[in-house]
Amino acid sequence: WAPTSQRNTHFFTVNKQYLIMKTVAAIIALAGSAAAFAPAQNGKAATALNARADSPFVGELGAQAPLGFFDPLNVCEGFDQAQFDRLREVEIKHGRIAQLAFLGQIVTRAGIHLPGNIDYAGNAFDSFPNGVAALIGPDSIPFEGQGQIIAFIGWLEIAFMRDVPGTGNEHVGDFRNGYIDFGWDDFDEETKLQKRAIELNNGRAAMFGILGLMVHEEIVPLGYDADLPIIGHL
């Protein structure tokens, strides 16, 4: 056992680190939420935080206040429009997946699972742990089950989640391909732009959110069992 003074020092150090992590997470969440409802910037005026005011992509969707077109690592240096659109498509896809993942965390940790069994051996859906533990660990879903999930996602990627030319898709990330609408064509252009901006920024926030949950879950054994908003204890 360590002396009392050392234990107290460790206790305050741990709590200081926890408070710093919690503050940073809160700032990121608030920034993402605020940006989600900010109007898209179509002009090329730069803000004080805009690192790439000279980029040809400063007027693209997602270049919004307060950062503007933020590319501090110059990833888009020398890119043409097709290359930029490819990165935007990947960003949108990852954002959509992250939103589903974060929602899945909320739902399953609230005790809501699919009914019935996941296999013929009689293992119920709710018998498996939530989060990362469902994929990695002694009680995780077997490889055969994870393989089916990966194969299903791959099938969706190849068959549906892609832009089919000549089907009337309007923008990058529009994968309707002439099949579904859900009232999109009834919106005016301003409303469409606003909804696309909200989806893009919600996806960005969700990517931070699901990564934060995964990190928190993995550091629980180290003693950082935080009581997170909405989710609670992991």
Protein backbone atom coordinates (compact mmCIF):
# COMPACT_ATOMS: atom_id res chain seq x y z
CA TRP A 1 0.00 0.00 0.00
CA ALA A 2 1.21 3.50 -0.83
CA PRO A 3 1.46 6.13 1.92
CA THR A 4 -1.63 8.28 2.48
CA SER A 5 0.01 11.36 0.95
CA GLN A 6 0.85 9.48 -2.24
CA ARG A 7 -2.67 8.06 -2.50
CA ASN A 8 -4.16 11.52 -2.05
CA THR A 9 -1.83 12.96 -4.69
CA HIS A 10 -2.84 10.19 -7.09
CA PHE A 11 -6.51 10.79 -6.32
CA PHE A 12 -6.32 14.50 -7.11
CA THR A 13 -4.24 13.85 -10.23
CA VAL A 14 -6.80 11.36 -11.53
CA ASN A 15 -9.69 13.73 -10.83
CA LYS A 16 -7.85 16.62 -12.49
CA GLN A 17 -7.30 14.51 -15.61
CA TYR A 18 -10.94 13.44 -15.56
CA LEU A 19 -12.14 17.04 -15.30
CA ILE A 20 -9.90 18.05 -18.20
CA MET A 21 -11.21 15.19 -20.35
CA LYS A 22 -14.80 16.00 -19.44
CA THR A 23 -14.32 19.70 -20.24
CA VAL A 24 -12.74 18.97 -23.62
CA ALA A 25 -15.53 16.53 -24.49
CA ALA A 26 -18.17 19.09 -23.53
CA ILE A 27 -16.53 21.78 -25.67
CA ILE A 28 -16.36 19.46 -28.69
CA ALA A 29 -20.00 18.42 -28.25
CA LEU A 30 -21.20 22.02 -27.92
CA ALA A 31 -19.16 23.13 -30.92
CA GLY A 32 -20.56 20.31 -33.04
CA SER A 33 -24.14 21.03 -31.95
CA ALA A 34 -23.83 24.74 -32.63
CA ALA A 35 -22.24 24.19 -36.02
CA ALA A 36 -25.01 21.79 -37.01
CA PHE A 37 -27.52 24.62 -37.04
CA ALA A 38 -25.27 27.30 -38.50
CA PRO A 39 -26.16 28.39 -42.04
CA ALA A 40 -23.87 27.22 -44.82
CA GLN A 41 -21.33 29.82 -45.95
CA ASN A 42 -21.47 30.31 -49.69
CA GLY A 43 -19.12 33.31 -49.77
CA LYS A 44 -15.36 33.23 -49.57
CA ALA A 45 -14.89 35.58 -46.63
CA ALA A 46 -12.41 34.22 -44.14
CA THR A 47 -12.65 34.28 -40.37
CA ALA A 48 -9.75 34.63 -37.95
CA LEU A 49 -9.73 30.85 -37.51
CA ASN A 50 -9.97 29.99 -41.19
CA ALA A 51 -6.70 28.24 -41.95
CA ARG A 52 -7.24 27.95 -45.72
CA ALA A 53 -8.96 31.10 -46.98
CA ASP A 54 -7.15 30.75 -50.32
CA SER A 55 -8.53 27.25 -51.04
CA PRO A 56 -10.94 26.78 -53.96
CA PHE A 57 -13.20 24.85 -51.57
CA VAL A 58 -13.97 27.66 -49.10
CA GLY A 59 -17.50 27.89 -50.48
CA GLU A 60 -18.25 24.18 -50.11
CA LEU A 61 -20.91 22.81 -47.81
CA GLY A 62 -19.48 22.31 -44.34
CA ALA A 63 -17.15 25.33 -44.49
CA GLN A 64 -19.16 27.05 -41.77
CA ALA A 65 -18.64 29.45 -38.92
CA PRO A 66 -16.65 29.64 -36.75
CA LEU A 67 -13.85 27.69 -38.51
CA GLY A 68 -14.73 28.24 -42.15
CA PHE A 69 -12.78 25.89 -44.43
CA PHE A 70 -10.54 24.23 -41.86
CA ASP A 71 -7.69 22.24 -43.40
CA PRO A 72 -4.62 22.84 -41.20
CA LEU A 73 -2.77 19.79 -42.59
CA ASN A 74 -3.31 20.91 -46.20
CA VAL A 75 -4.92 17.57 -47.09
CA CYS A 76 -6.80 19.16 -49.98
CA GLU A 77 -3.76 20.97 -51.37
CA GLY A 78 -3.76 20.51 -55.15
CA PHE A 79 -7.05 18.60 -55.16
CA ASP A 80 -9.50 19.00 -58.01
CA GLN A 81 -13.28 18.93 -57.53
CA ALA A 82 -13.55 15.19 -58.16
CA GLN A 83 -10.97 14.39 -55.48
CA PHE A 84 -12.66 16.71 -53.00
CA ASP A 85 -16.06 15.15 -53.74
CA ARG A 86 -14.59 11.71 -53.06
CA LEU A 87 -13.42 12.81 -49.61
CA ARG A 88 -16.79 14.42 -48.93
CA GLU A 89 -18.60 11.20 -49.86
CA VAL A 90 -16.39 9.23 -47.46
CA GLU A 91 -16.99 11.83 -44.72
CA ILE A 92 -20.75 11.65 -45.18
CA LYS A 93 -20.75 7.84 -45.09
CA HIS A 94 -18.65 7.72 -41.96
CA GLY A 95 -20.88 10.34 -40.36
CA ARG A 96 -24.00 8.32 -41.10
CA ILE A 97 -22.44 5.14 -39.72
CA ALA A 98 -21.30 7.00 -36.59
CA GLN A 99 -24.79 8.37 -36.01
CA LEU A 100 -26.23 4.85 -36.21
CA ALA A 101 -23.48 3.56 -33.91
CA PHE A 102 -24.08 6.26 -31.31
CA LEU A 103 -27.84 5.67 -31.44
CA GLY A 104 -27.17 1.96 -31.06
CA GLN A 105 -25.20 2.65 -27.89
CA ILE A 106 -28.08 4.66 -26.45
CA VAL A 107 -30.71 2.05 -27.33
CA THR A 108 -28.88 -1.08 -26.18
CA ARG A 109 -27.60 0.51 -22.96
CA ALA A 110 -31.19 1.48 -22.21
CA GLY A 111 -31.97 -2.26 -22.18
CA ILE A 112 -33.66 -2.41 -25.59
CA HIS A 113 -32.55 -5.39 -27.70
CA LEU A 114 -33.93 -7.45 -30.54
CA PRO A 115 -36.23 -10.22 -29.34
CA GLY A 116 -35.37 -13.87 -29.72
CA ASN A 117 -32.07 -15.64 -30.20
CA ILE A 118 -29.04 -14.66 -32.23
CA ASP A 119 -28.17 -18.27 -33.12
CA TYR A 120 -29.57 -21.81 -33.11
CA ALA A 121 -27.76 -22.54 -29.85
CA GLY A 122 -30.32 -20.44 -27.99
CA ASN A 123 -28.18 -17.40 -27.17
CA ALA A 124 -30.47 -14.39 -26.84
CA PHE A 125 -29.59 -11.00 -28.32
CA ASP A 126 -29.62 -9.44 -24.86
CA SER A 127 -27.18 -12.05 -23.53
CA PHE A 128 -24.26 -10.30 -25.22
CA PRO A 129 -22.60 -7.19 -23.78
CA ASN A 130 -22.97 -3.69 -25.21
CA GLY A 131 -20.41 -1.55 -26.99
CA VAL A 132 -16.88 -2.70 -27.79
CA ALA A 133 -17.31 -5.73 -25.54
CA ALA A 134 -19.82 -7.14 -28.06
CA LEU A 135 -17.00 -7.32 -30.64
CA ILE A 136 -13.89 -7.94 -28.53
CA GLY A 137 -13.66 -9.97 -25.35
CA PRO A 138 -14.63 -13.28 -23.79
CA ASP A 139 -18.38 -12.67 -24.14
CA SER A 140 -18.29 -11.13 -27.63
CA ILE A 141 -20.35 -12.23 -30.61
CA PRO A 142 -18.64 -15.22 -32.29
CA PHE A 143 -16.68 -14.67 -35.48
CA GLU A 144 -19.40 -16.34 -37.53
CA GLY A 145 -21.90 -13.74 -36.39
CA GLN A 146 -19.53 -10.83 -36.92
CA GLY A 147 -18.70 -12.21 -40.37
CA GLN A 148 -22.37 -12.10 -41.34
CA ILE A 149 -22.62 -8.49 -40.17
CA ILE A 150 -19.55 -7.51 -42.22
CA ALA A 151 -20.87 -9.37 -45.28
CA PHE A 152 -24.24 -7.62 -44.98
CA ILE A 153 -22.58 -4.20 -44.76
CA GLY A 154 -20.43 -5.05 -47.78
CA TRP A 155 -23.53 -6.03 -49.74
CA LEU A 156 -25.21 -2.73 -48.86
CA GLU A 157 -22.07 -0.83 -49.91
CA ILE A 158 -21.89 -2.56 -53.29
CA ALA A 159 -25.59 -2.70 -54.10
CA PHE A 160 -27.13 0.44 -52.60
CA MET A 161 -24.80 2.87 -50.83
CA ARG A 162 -23.29 4.30 -54.00
CA ASP A 163 -24.05 6.95 -56.56
CA VAL A 164 -25.49 5.44 -59.73
CA PRO A 165 -25.03 7.86 -62.66
CA GLY A 166 -28.13 8.89 -64.57
CA THR A 167 -30.59 8.24 -61.74
CA GLY A 168 -31.22 11.88 -60.79
CA ASN A 169 -29.03 12.16 -57.71
CA GLU A 170 -28.51 15.84 -56.86
CA HIS A 171 -25.34 15.99 -54.77
CA VAL A 172 -22.48 14.05 -53.21
CA GLY A 173 -23.90 11.56 -50.73
CA ASP A 174 -27.27 11.35 -52.49
CA PHE A 175 -27.74 7.60 -52.85
CA ARG A 176 -31.46 7.55 -53.64
CA ASN A 177 -30.70 6.35 -57.18
CA GLY A 178 -34.30 6.96 -58.23
CA TYR A 179 -35.78 4.58 -55.65
CA ILE A 180 -36.80 6.64 -52.61
CA ASP A 181 -37.69 10.24 -51.92
CA PHE A 182 -39.33 10.78 -48.49
CA GLY A 183 -40.40 14.26 -49.59
CA TRP A 184 -36.94 15.56 -50.49
CA ASP A 185 -38.05 16.89 -53.87
CA ASP A 186 -40.69 19.06 -52.16
CA PHE A 187 -38.07 21.17 -50.35
CA ASP A 188 -36.75 24.41 -51.80
CA GLU A 189 -33.03 24.78 -52.44
CA GLU A 190 -32.36 26.73 -49.23
CA THR A 191 -34.04 24.08 -47.09
CA LYS A 192 -32.14 21.30 -48.87
CA LEU A 193 -28.84 23.07 -48.24
CA GLN A 194 -29.70 23.56 -44.57
CA LYS A 195 -30.65 19.90 -44.08
CA ARG A 196 -27.47 18.73 -45.80
CA ALA A 197 -25.42 21.00 -43.53
CA ILE A 198 -27.19 19.65 -40.44
CA GLU A 199 -26.58 16.04 -41.50
CA LEU A 200 -22.91 16.73 -42.24
CA ASN A 201 -22.26 18.39 -38.89
CA ASN A 202 -24.30 15.88 -36.91
CA GLY A 203 -22.19 13.19 -38.56
CA ARG A 204 -19.01 14.98 -37.53
CA ALA A 205 -20.25 15.26 -33.94
CA ALA A 206 -21.29 11.59 -33.96
CA MET A 207 -17.81 10.50 -35.08
CA PHE A 208 -16.34 12.30 -32.07
CA GLY A 209 -19.12 10.90 -29.88
CA ILE A 210 -18.76 7.22 -30.77
CA LEU A 211 -14.96 7.46 -30.57
CA GLY A 212 -15.30 9.02 -27.12
CA LEU A 213 -17.60 6.23 -25.95
CA MET A 214 -15.22 3.57 -27.22
CA VAL A 215 -12.27 5.21 -25.46
CA HIS A 216 -14.23 5.62 -22.21
CA GLU A 217 -15.27 1.98 -22.29
CA GLU A 218 -11.68 0.82 -22.70
CA ILE A 219 -10.36 2.99 -19.84
CA VAL A 220 -12.99 1.90 -17.32
CA PRO A 221 -10.63 -0.87 -16.06
CA LEU A 222 -8.11 1.89 -15.30
CA GLY A 223 -10.52 3.50 -12.85
CA TYR A 224 -12.15 6.14 -15.11
CA ASP A 225 -15.75 4.98 -14.76
CA ALA A 226 -17.45 8.25 -15.63
CA ASP A 227 -21.19 8.84 -15.38
CA LEU A 228 -21.72 10.07 -18.96
CA PRO A 229 -24.74 12.13 -20.08
CA ILE A 230 -27.55 10.03 -21.63
CA ILE A 231 -25.41 6.87 -21.58
CA GLY A 232 -24.60 6.69 -17.88
CA HIS A 233 -21.91 4.26 -16.65
CA LEU A 234 -20.36 2.08 -19.35
